[in-house]
Amino acid sequence: EGKAVAGDARLNVDDNSLYRHKELEAEELRSLNERERVAREKGFGYVEIDPEGEIACIANGAGLGMTAFDLISESGATLACFLDVGGRFYDIAGDALRLVLSLPKLKAVLIHSYGGVTRADRLAESACKALKELKPKVPIVVELSGTGESKAAEIMKREV
């Protein structure tokens, strides 16, 4: 009859614009697993790479996290997730660790932080408090460098 009929449609929405499209948020949430949902609620930058993976990486910045991802992958281990905490780790260490420790096959957690603005000593205090509370059953490897790193090392030696 000479008329166009749409037989299929796709809609791609940038996740960063979902706050402007509340009507789409419910659909987006349906595709997330429980960890991804919690991460979204807490405002974490969380990417679950392999839920059966061995190592979780918590880093303060995507570049640092991706570098760790590359090194972990090159070693033959599998990365379970990457959690970008930015400079907010001081306040969310317990929540961040609780989230990644819920991964079923986890063998270790890497907390990887570098920064001039992110104070390593305050991050160490927060991480130690969370570790005492959570008592993880897997090794937690902490790499802190930058402002306050010597004090951070003292705190970690004393507290853990």
N, C-alpha and C. Protein backbone atom coordinates (compact mmCIF):
# COMPACT_ATOMS: atom_id res chain seq x y z
N GLU A 1 0.81 -1.20 0.00
CA GLU A 1 0.00 0.00 0.00
C GLU A 1 0.85 1.25 0.00
N GLY A 2 2.19 1.09 0.01
CA GLY A 2 3.05 2.25 -0.04
C GLY A 2 3.25 2.95 1.30
N LYS A 3 2.90 2.29 2.41
CA LYS A 3 3.07 2.90 3.73
C LYS A 3 4.26 2.26 4.44
N ALA A 4 4.97 3.04 5.22
CA ALA A 4 6.08 2.52 6.02
C ALA A 4 5.53 2.01 7.35
N VAL A 5 6.03 0.84 7.75
CA VAL A 5 5.62 0.25 9.03
C VAL A 5 6.88 -0.09 9.82
N ALA A 6 6.93 0.35 11.07
CA ALA A 6 8.08 0.03 11.92
C ALA A 6 7.93 -1.40 12.41
N GLY A 7 8.88 -2.26 12.07
CA GLY A 7 8.82 -3.65 12.46
C GLY A 7 9.61 -3.93 13.73
N ASP A 8 10.47 -3.01 14.12
CA ASP A 8 11.32 -3.20 15.29
C ASP A 8 11.84 -1.83 15.71
N ALA A 9 12.27 -1.71 16.95
CA ALA A 9 12.83 -0.44 17.43
C ALA A 9 13.85 -0.72 18.53
N ARG A 10 14.84 0.11 18.61
CA ARG A 10 15.86 0.04 19.65
C ARG A 10 16.01 1.44 20.23
N LEU A 11 16.30 1.47 21.53
CA LEU A 11 16.49 2.75 22.21
C LEU A 11 17.73 2.64 23.07
N ASN A 12 18.71 3.45 22.80
CA ASN A 12 19.92 3.51 23.62
C ASN A 12 19.90 4.81 24.39
N VAL A 13 20.03 4.70 25.71
CA VAL A 13 20.03 5.88 26.56
C VAL A 13 21.33 5.89 27.34
N ASP A 14 22.01 7.00 27.31
CA ASP A 14 23.23 7.16 28.09
C ASP A 14 22.88 7.07 29.57
N ASP A 15 23.52 6.16 30.31
CA ASP A 15 23.24 6.00 31.74
C ASP A 15 23.36 7.31 32.50
N ASN A 16 24.26 8.17 32.04
CA ASN A 16 24.46 9.45 32.72
C ASN A 16 23.28 10.40 32.56
N SER A 17 22.37 10.09 31.68
CA SER A 17 21.20 10.97 31.49
C SER A 17 19.93 10.41 32.11
N LEU A 18 20.04 9.24 32.77
CA LEU A 18 18.84 8.62 33.33
C LEU A 18 18.15 9.48 34.38
N TYR A 19 18.90 10.34 35.05
CA TYR A 19 18.26 11.20 36.05
C TYR A 19 17.22 12.12 35.41
N ARG A 20 17.34 12.36 34.11
CA ARG A 20 16.36 13.19 33.40
C ARG A 20 15.21 12.37 32.82
N HIS A 21 15.31 11.06 32.91
CA HIS A 21 14.30 10.18 32.31
C HIS A 21 13.85 9.16 33.35
N LYS A 22 13.18 9.61 34.37
CA LYS A 22 12.73 8.73 35.46
C LYS A 22 11.85 7.59 34.93
N GLU A 23 11.15 7.83 33.84
CA GLU A 23 10.27 6.79 33.29
C GLU A 23 11.07 5.60 32.75
N LEU A 24 12.35 5.78 32.46
CA LEU A 24 13.18 4.70 31.93
C LEU A 24 13.97 3.98 33.03
N GLU A 25 14.04 4.58 34.21
CA GLU A 25 14.87 4.04 35.27
C GLU A 25 14.42 2.63 35.70
N ALA A 26 13.14 2.38 35.81
CA ALA A 26 12.65 1.06 36.22
C ALA A 26 13.12 -0.02 35.25
N GLU A 27 13.07 0.27 33.97
CA GLU A 27 13.52 -0.68 32.96
C GLU A 27 15.02 -0.95 33.11
N GLU A 28 15.78 0.09 33.33
CA GLU A 28 17.22 -0.03 33.52
C GLU A 28 17.53 -0.89 34.75
N LEU A 29 16.81 -0.66 35.84
CA LEU A 29 17.06 -1.40 37.08
C LEU A 29 16.76 -2.89 36.94
N ARG A 30 15.82 -3.25 36.08
CA ARG A 30 15.48 -4.66 35.89
C ARG A 30 16.66 -5.47 35.34
N SER A 31 17.53 -4.81 34.60
CA SER A 31 18.65 -5.53 33.99
C SER A 31 19.85 -5.66 34.93
N LEU A 32 19.79 -5.06 36.10
CA LEU A 32 20.92 -5.08 37.03
C LEU A 32 20.79 -6.24 38.02
N ASN A 33 21.95 -6.82 38.40
CA ASN A 33 21.92 -7.81 39.47
C ASN A 33 21.94 -7.08 40.81
N GLU A 34 21.89 -7.82 41.91
CA GLU A 34 21.78 -7.19 43.23
C GLU A 34 22.96 -6.28 43.55
N ARG A 35 24.20 -6.72 43.24
CA ARG A 35 25.37 -5.87 43.51
C ARG A 35 25.32 -4.60 42.69
N GLU A 36 24.94 -4.71 41.43
CA GLU A 36 24.85 -3.53 40.57
C GLU A 36 23.77 -2.57 41.07
N ARG A 37 22.69 -3.12 41.57
CA ARG A 37 21.60 -2.29 42.11
C ARG A 37 22.07 -1.53 43.36
N VAL A 38 22.74 -2.24 44.26
CA VAL A 38 23.26 -1.61 45.48
C VAL A 38 24.27 -0.52 45.11
N ALA A 39 25.15 -0.84 44.18
CA ALA A 39 26.16 0.14 43.76
C ALA A 39 25.50 1.39 43.19
N ARG A 40 24.49 1.21 42.39
CA ARG A 40 23.78 2.36 41.82
C ARG A 40 23.14 3.20 42.92
N GLU A 41 22.49 2.53 43.88
CA GLU A 41 21.85 3.24 45.00
C GLU A 41 22.86 4.04 45.81
N LYS A 42 24.06 3.49 45.99
CA LYS A 42 25.10 4.15 46.78
C LYS A 42 25.87 5.19 45.97
N GLY A 43 25.66 5.20 44.64
CA GLY A 43 26.36 6.16 43.80
C GLY A 43 27.77 5.74 43.43
N PHE A 44 28.06 4.43 43.51
CA PHE A 44 29.39 3.93 43.15
C PHE A 44 29.50 3.78 41.64
N GLY A 45 30.70 3.93 41.14
CA GLY A 45 31.00 3.56 39.77
C GLY A 45 31.41 2.09 39.80
N TYR A 46 30.49 1.19 39.51
CA TYR A 46 30.74 -0.24 39.65
C TYR A 46 30.54 -0.94 38.32
N VAL A 47 31.52 -1.75 37.94
CA VAL A 47 31.42 -2.55 36.73
C VAL A 47 31.70 -4.00 37.11
N GLU A 48 30.70 -4.85 36.96
CA GLU A 48 30.90 -6.26 37.24
C GLU A 48 31.39 -6.92 35.95
N ILE A 49 32.62 -7.36 35.96
CA ILE A 49 33.25 -7.91 34.77
C ILE A 49 32.99 -9.40 34.66
N ASP A 50 33.22 -10.14 35.74
CA ASP A 50 32.96 -11.58 35.77
C ASP A 50 32.53 -11.95 37.19
N PRO A 51 31.25 -12.20 37.42
CA PRO A 51 30.80 -12.49 38.78
C PRO A 51 31.44 -13.74 39.39
N GLU A 52 32.07 -14.56 38.56
CA GLU A 52 32.79 -15.74 39.04
C GLU A 52 34.29 -15.45 39.18
N GLY A 53 34.67 -14.19 38.97
CA GLY A 53 36.09 -13.80 39.00
C GLY A 53 36.71 -13.91 40.37
N GLU A 54 38.04 -13.86 40.40
CA GLU A 54 38.81 -14.11 41.62
C GLU A 54 39.18 -12.85 42.39
N ILE A 55 39.34 -11.72 41.68
CA ILE A 55 39.86 -10.52 42.32
C ILE A 55 38.91 -9.36 42.10
N ALA A 56 38.64 -8.63 43.18
CA ALA A 56 37.86 -7.40 43.09
C ALA A 56 38.84 -6.24 43.22
N CYS A 57 38.65 -5.23 42.42
CA CYS A 57 39.52 -4.06 42.46
C CYS A 57 38.71 -2.84 42.88
N ILE A 58 39.13 -2.21 43.97
CA ILE A 58 38.55 -0.95 44.42
C ILE A 58 39.63 0.10 44.21
N ALA A 59 39.35 1.08 43.39
CA ALA A 59 40.36 2.10 43.08
C ALA A 59 39.75 3.49 43.11
N ASN A 60 40.61 4.48 43.25
CA ASN A 60 40.12 5.85 43.23
C ASN A 60 40.40 6.47 41.85
N GLY A 61 39.64 6.04 40.90
CA GLY A 61 39.74 6.57 39.55
C GLY A 61 39.73 5.46 38.51
N ALA A 62 39.06 5.73 37.41
CA ALA A 62 38.91 4.73 36.36
C ALA A 62 40.24 4.38 35.71
N GLY A 63 41.12 5.34 35.52
CA GLY A 63 42.41 5.07 34.90
C GLY A 63 43.24 4.11 35.74
N LEU A 64 43.27 4.37 37.03
CA LEU A 64 44.01 3.50 37.95
C LEU A 64 43.38 2.11 37.99
N GLY A 65 42.07 2.06 37.99
CA GLY A 65 41.37 0.78 37.99
C GLY A 65 41.62 -0.01 36.73
N MET A 66 41.63 0.65 35.59
CA MET A 66 41.86 -0.04 34.32
C MET A 66 43.30 -0.54 34.22
N THR A 67 44.24 0.22 34.78
CA THR A 67 45.63 -0.24 34.81
C THR A 67 45.73 -1.51 35.63
N ALA A 68 45.08 -1.51 36.81
CA ALA A 68 45.07 -2.72 37.65
C ALA A 68 44.41 -3.87 36.90
N PHE A 69 43.31 -3.59 36.20
CA PHE A 69 42.61 -4.61 35.42
C PHE A 69 43.56 -5.25 34.40
N ASP A 70 44.31 -4.42 33.69
CA ASP A 70 45.26 -4.95 32.70
C ASP A 70 46.31 -5.84 33.36
N LEU A 71 46.88 -5.39 34.48
CA LEU A 71 47.92 -6.18 35.15
C LEU A 71 47.37 -7.49 35.71
N ILE A 72 46.17 -7.44 36.26
CA ILE A 72 45.54 -8.65 36.79
C ILE A 72 45.28 -9.64 35.66
N SER A 73 44.76 -9.13 34.55
CA SER A 73 44.47 -10.00 33.39
C SER A 73 45.73 -10.62 32.82
N GLU A 74 46.80 -9.82 32.75
CA GLU A 74 48.07 -10.33 32.22
C GLU A 74 48.65 -11.42 33.11
N SER A 75 48.32 -11.39 34.40
CA SER A 75 48.85 -12.39 35.34
C SER A 75 48.13 -13.72 35.21
N GLY A 76 47.00 -13.74 34.49
CA GLY A 76 46.23 -14.96 34.33
C GLY A 76 45.06 -15.07 35.29
N ALA A 77 44.97 -14.15 36.24
CA ALA A 77 43.83 -14.14 37.17
C ALA A 77 42.63 -13.48 36.49
N THR A 78 41.45 -13.67 37.06
CA THR A 78 40.26 -13.05 36.49
C THR A 78 39.75 -11.97 37.43
N LEU A 79 39.42 -10.85 36.84
CA LEU A 79 38.90 -9.72 37.62
C LEU A 79 37.39 -9.87 37.72
N ALA A 80 36.89 -9.85 38.94
CA ALA A 80 35.46 -9.98 39.18
C ALA A 80 34.75 -8.66 38.93
N CYS A 81 35.34 -7.58 39.44
CA CYS A 81 34.68 -6.28 39.31
C CYS A 81 35.68 -5.16 39.51
N PHE A 82 35.25 -4.00 39.12
CA PHE A 82 35.99 -2.77 39.36
C PHE A 82 35.03 -1.80 40.03
N LEU A 83 35.44 -1.27 41.16
CA LEU A 83 34.64 -0.31 41.90
C LEU A 83 35.43 0.98 42.01
N ASP A 84 34.96 2.02 41.34
CA ASP A 84 35.61 3.32 41.36
C ASP A 84 35.00 4.15 42.47
N VAL A 85 35.80 4.41 43.51
CA VAL A 85 35.30 5.18 44.64
C VAL A 85 35.71 6.64 44.58
N GLY A 86 36.50 7.00 43.58
CA GLY A 86 36.95 8.39 43.51
C GLY A 86 37.62 8.78 44.81
N GLY A 87 37.41 9.98 45.26
CA GLY A 87 38.00 10.44 46.51
C GLY A 87 37.12 10.19 47.71
N ARG A 88 36.00 9.47 47.53
CA ARG A 88 35.01 9.31 48.59
C ARG A 88 35.26 8.11 49.49
N PHE A 89 36.33 7.38 49.32
CA PHE A 89 36.53 6.14 50.06
C PHE A 89 36.50 6.36 51.57
N TYR A 90 36.90 7.55 52.02
CA TYR A 90 36.91 7.83 53.46
C TYR A 90 35.57 7.47 54.08
N ASP A 91 34.50 7.82 53.41
CA ASP A 91 33.16 7.68 53.96
C ASP A 91 32.50 6.36 53.61
N ILE A 92 33.01 5.65 52.61
CA ILE A 92 32.27 4.49 52.09
C ILE A 92 33.07 3.19 52.11
N ALA A 93 34.17 3.15 52.84
CA ALA A 93 35.01 1.96 52.83
C ALA A 93 34.23 0.70 53.20
N GLY A 94 33.43 0.77 54.24
CA GLY A 94 32.66 -0.40 54.67
C GLY A 94 31.67 -0.84 53.61
N ASP A 95 30.94 0.11 53.04
CA ASP A 95 29.96 -0.21 52.00
C ASP A 95 30.65 -0.80 50.76
N ALA A 96 31.78 -0.22 50.39
CA ALA A 96 32.50 -0.69 49.20
C ALA A 96 33.01 -2.12 49.42
N LEU A 97 33.62 -2.37 50.56
CA LEU A 97 34.13 -3.72 50.84
C LEU A 97 32.98 -4.72 50.98
N ARG A 98 31.93 -4.34 51.66
CA ARG A 98 30.78 -5.23 51.83
C ARG A 98 30.24 -5.65 50.45
N LEU A 99 30.18 -4.71 49.53
CA LEU A 99 29.66 -4.99 48.19
C LEU A 99 30.54 -6.01 47.47
N VAL A 100 31.84 -5.78 47.41
CA VAL A 100 32.70 -6.69 46.64
C VAL A 100 32.89 -8.03 47.34
N LEU A 101 32.81 -8.04 48.68
CA LEU A 101 32.97 -9.31 49.40
C LEU A 101 31.78 -10.24 49.19
N SER A 102 30.71 -9.74 48.59
CA SER A 102 29.55 -10.59 48.31
C SER A 102 29.72 -11.41 47.02
N LEU A 103 30.80 -11.19 46.30
CA LEU A 103 31.05 -11.98 45.08
C LEU A 103 31.36 -13.43 45.47
N PRO A 104 30.74 -14.40 44.79
CA PRO A 104 30.78 -15.80 45.26
C PRO A 104 32.13 -16.49 45.19
N LYS A 105 32.97 -16.20 44.22
CA LYS A 105 34.22 -16.94 44.03
C LYS A 105 35.45 -16.09 44.34
N LEU A 106 35.26 -15.02 45.06
CA LEU A 106 36.32 -14.06 45.33
C LEU A 106 37.46 -14.70 46.11
N LYS A 107 38.70 -14.42 45.67
CA LYS A 107 39.88 -14.92 46.36
C LYS A 107 40.71 -13.80 46.98
N ALA A 108 40.50 -12.55 46.50
CA ALA A 108 41.27 -11.41 47.03
C ALA A 108 40.61 -10.11 46.60
N VAL A 109 40.92 -9.07 47.38
CA VAL A 109 40.47 -7.72 47.05
C VAL A 109 41.70 -6.83 46.97
N LEU A 110 41.79 -6.03 45.93
CA LEU A 110 42.85 -5.04 45.78
C LEU A 110 42.24 -3.67 45.99
N ILE A 111 42.74 -2.96 46.99
CA ILE A 111 42.37 -1.55 47.18
C ILE A 111 43.56 -0.76 46.69
N HIS A 112 43.35 0.00 45.65
CA HIS A 112 44.44 0.64 44.92
C HIS A 112 44.16 2.14 44.87
N SER A 113 44.99 2.91 45.56
CA SER A 113 44.74 4.34 45.62
C SER A 113 46.02 5.14 45.41
N TYR A 114 45.89 6.14 44.60
CA TYR A 114 46.98 7.09 44.41
C TYR A 114 46.35 8.47 44.34
N GLY A 115 47.00 9.41 44.98
CA GLY A 115 46.46 10.75 44.80
C GLY A 115 47.12 11.79 45.65
N GLY A 116 46.94 13.00 45.22
CA GLY A 116 47.38 14.14 45.98
C GLY A 116 46.23 14.69 46.79
N VAL A 117 45.03 14.61 46.23
CA VAL A 117 43.85 15.10 46.92
C VAL A 117 43.33 14.03 47.88
N THR A 118 43.31 12.77 47.43
CA THR A 118 42.86 11.67 48.27
C THR A 118 43.97 11.39 49.28
N ARG A 119 43.71 11.65 50.53
CA ARG A 119 44.73 11.46 51.56
C ARG A 119 44.84 9.99 51.93
N ALA A 120 46.03 9.44 51.74
CA ALA A 120 46.28 8.03 52.00
C ALA A 120 46.08 7.68 53.47
N ASP A 121 46.44 8.58 54.38
CA ASP A 121 46.29 8.28 55.81
C ASP A 121 44.82 8.18 56.22
N ARG A 122 43.99 9.06 55.70
CA ARG A 122 42.56 9.00 56.02
C ARG A 122 41.91 7.77 55.39
N LEU A 123 42.37 7.44 54.19
CA LEU A 123 41.86 6.23 53.53
C LEU A 123 42.24 4.99 54.33
N ALA A 124 43.48 4.95 54.85
CA ALA A 124 43.94 3.82 55.66
C ALA A 124 43.09 3.67 56.91
N GLU A 125 42.78 4.78 57.57
CA GLU A 125 41.93 4.74 58.76
C GLU A 125 40.56 4.16 58.43
N SER A 126 39.98 4.62 57.35
CA SER A 126 38.66 4.15 56.93
C SER A 126 38.69 2.67 56.57
N ALA A 127 39.70 2.26 55.83
CA ALA A 127 39.83 0.86 55.42
C ALA A 127 40.02 -0.03 56.64
N CYS A 128 40.85 0.39 57.59
CA CYS A 128 41.07 -0.42 58.79
C CYS A 128 39.79 -0.57 59.60
N LYS A 129 39.05 0.49 59.72
CA LYS A 129 37.78 0.43 60.45
C LYS A 129 36.84 -0.60 59.77
N ALA A 130 36.76 -0.53 58.44
CA ALA A 130 35.89 -1.46 57.70
C ALA A 130 36.39 -2.90 57.83
N LEU A 131 37.69 -3.11 57.78
CA LEU A 131 38.24 -4.46 57.88
C LEU A 131 37.97 -5.07 59.26
N LYS A 132 38.07 -4.25 60.29
CA LYS A 132 37.77 -4.74 61.65
C LYS A 132 36.30 -5.13 61.77
N GLU A 133 35.44 -4.34 61.16
CA GLU A 133 34.01 -4.61 61.23
C GLU A 133 33.63 -5.85 60.42
N LEU A 134 34.16 -5.96 59.20
CA LEU A 134 33.73 -7.02 58.28
C LEU A 134 34.48 -8.34 58.45
N LYS A 135 35.69 -8.29 58.97
CA LYS A 135 36.51 -9.50 59.15
C LYS A 135 36.49 -10.39 57.91
N PRO A 136 36.99 -9.87 56.78
CA PRO A 136 36.93 -10.65 55.53
C PRO A 136 37.73 -11.95 55.62
N LYS A 137 37.25 -12.93 54.87
CA LYS A 137 37.90 -14.25 54.85
C LYS A 137 38.85 -14.40 53.66
N VAL A 138 38.99 -13.36 52.87
CA VAL A 138 39.93 -13.38 51.76
C VAL A 138 40.98 -12.29 52.00
N PRO A 139 42.17 -12.45 51.42
CA PRO A 139 43.20 -11.42 51.59
C PRO A 139 42.76 -10.08 50.99
N ILE A 140 43.10 -9.02 51.67
CA ILE A 140 42.86 -7.66 51.19
C ILE A 140 44.24 -7.04 50.98
N VAL A 141 44.54 -6.68 49.75
CA VAL A 141 45.83 -6.07 49.42
C VAL A 141 45.57 -4.57 49.25
N VAL A 142 46.31 -3.77 50.01
CA VAL A 142 46.10 -2.33 49.98
C VAL A 142 47.35 -1.66 49.46
N GLU A 143 47.20 -0.87 48.42
CA GLU A 143 48.29 -0.07 47.88
C GLU A 143 47.87 1.38 47.98
N LEU A 144 48.55 2.13 48.82
CA LEU A 144 48.23 3.54 49.00
C LEU A 144 49.49 4.36 48.74
N SER A 145 49.38 5.32 47.87
CA SER A 145 50.51 6.22 47.66
C SER A 145 49.98 7.62 47.44
N GLY A 146 50.84 8.57 47.70
CA GLY A 146 50.43 9.96 47.57
C GLY A 146 50.46 10.66 48.91
N THR A 147 49.67 11.68 49.06
CA THR A 147 49.65 12.51 50.26
C THR A 147 49.35 11.67 51.50
N GLY A 148 50.25 11.72 52.47
CA GLY A 148 50.05 11.01 53.73
C GLY A 148 50.38 9.53 53.67
N GLU A 149 51.15 9.09 52.67
CA GLU A 149 51.38 7.65 52.53
C GLU A 149 52.23 7.06 53.64
N SER A 150 53.21 7.78 54.19
CA SER A 150 54.01 7.21 55.28
C SER A 150 53.17 7.03 56.54
N LYS A 151 52.30 7.99 56.82
CA LYS A 151 51.39 7.84 57.96
C LYS A 151 50.40 6.70 57.70
N ALA A 152 49.97 6.53 56.45
CA ALA A 152 49.06 5.43 56.09
C ALA A 152 49.72 4.09 56.38
N ALA A 153 50.99 3.96 56.04
CA ALA A 153 51.70 2.70 56.31
C ALA A 153 51.76 2.43 57.81
N GLU A 154 52.01 3.47 58.62
CA GLU A 154 52.03 3.30 60.08
C GLU A 154 50.66 2.84 60.59
N ILE A 155 49.62 3.46 60.09
CA ILE A 155 48.26 3.11 60.51
C ILE A 155 47.96 1.66 60.16
N MET A 156 48.28 1.25 58.94
CA MET A 156 47.99 -0.12 58.51
C MET A 156 48.77 -1.13 59.35
N LYS A 157 50.04 -0.85 59.64
CA LYS A 157 50.85 -1.76 60.45
C LYS A 157 50.30 -1.87 61.86
N ARG A 158 49.85 -0.75 62.41
CA ARG A 158 49.35 -0.73 63.78
C ARG A 158 47.97 -1.37 63.90
N GLU A 159 47.11 -1.14 62.93
CA GLU A 159 45.70 -1.52 63.04
C GLU A 159 45.36 -2.91 62.52
N VAL A 160 46.13 -3.40 61.59
CA VAL A 160 45.77 -4.69 60.97
C VAL A 160 46.66 -5.79 61.45
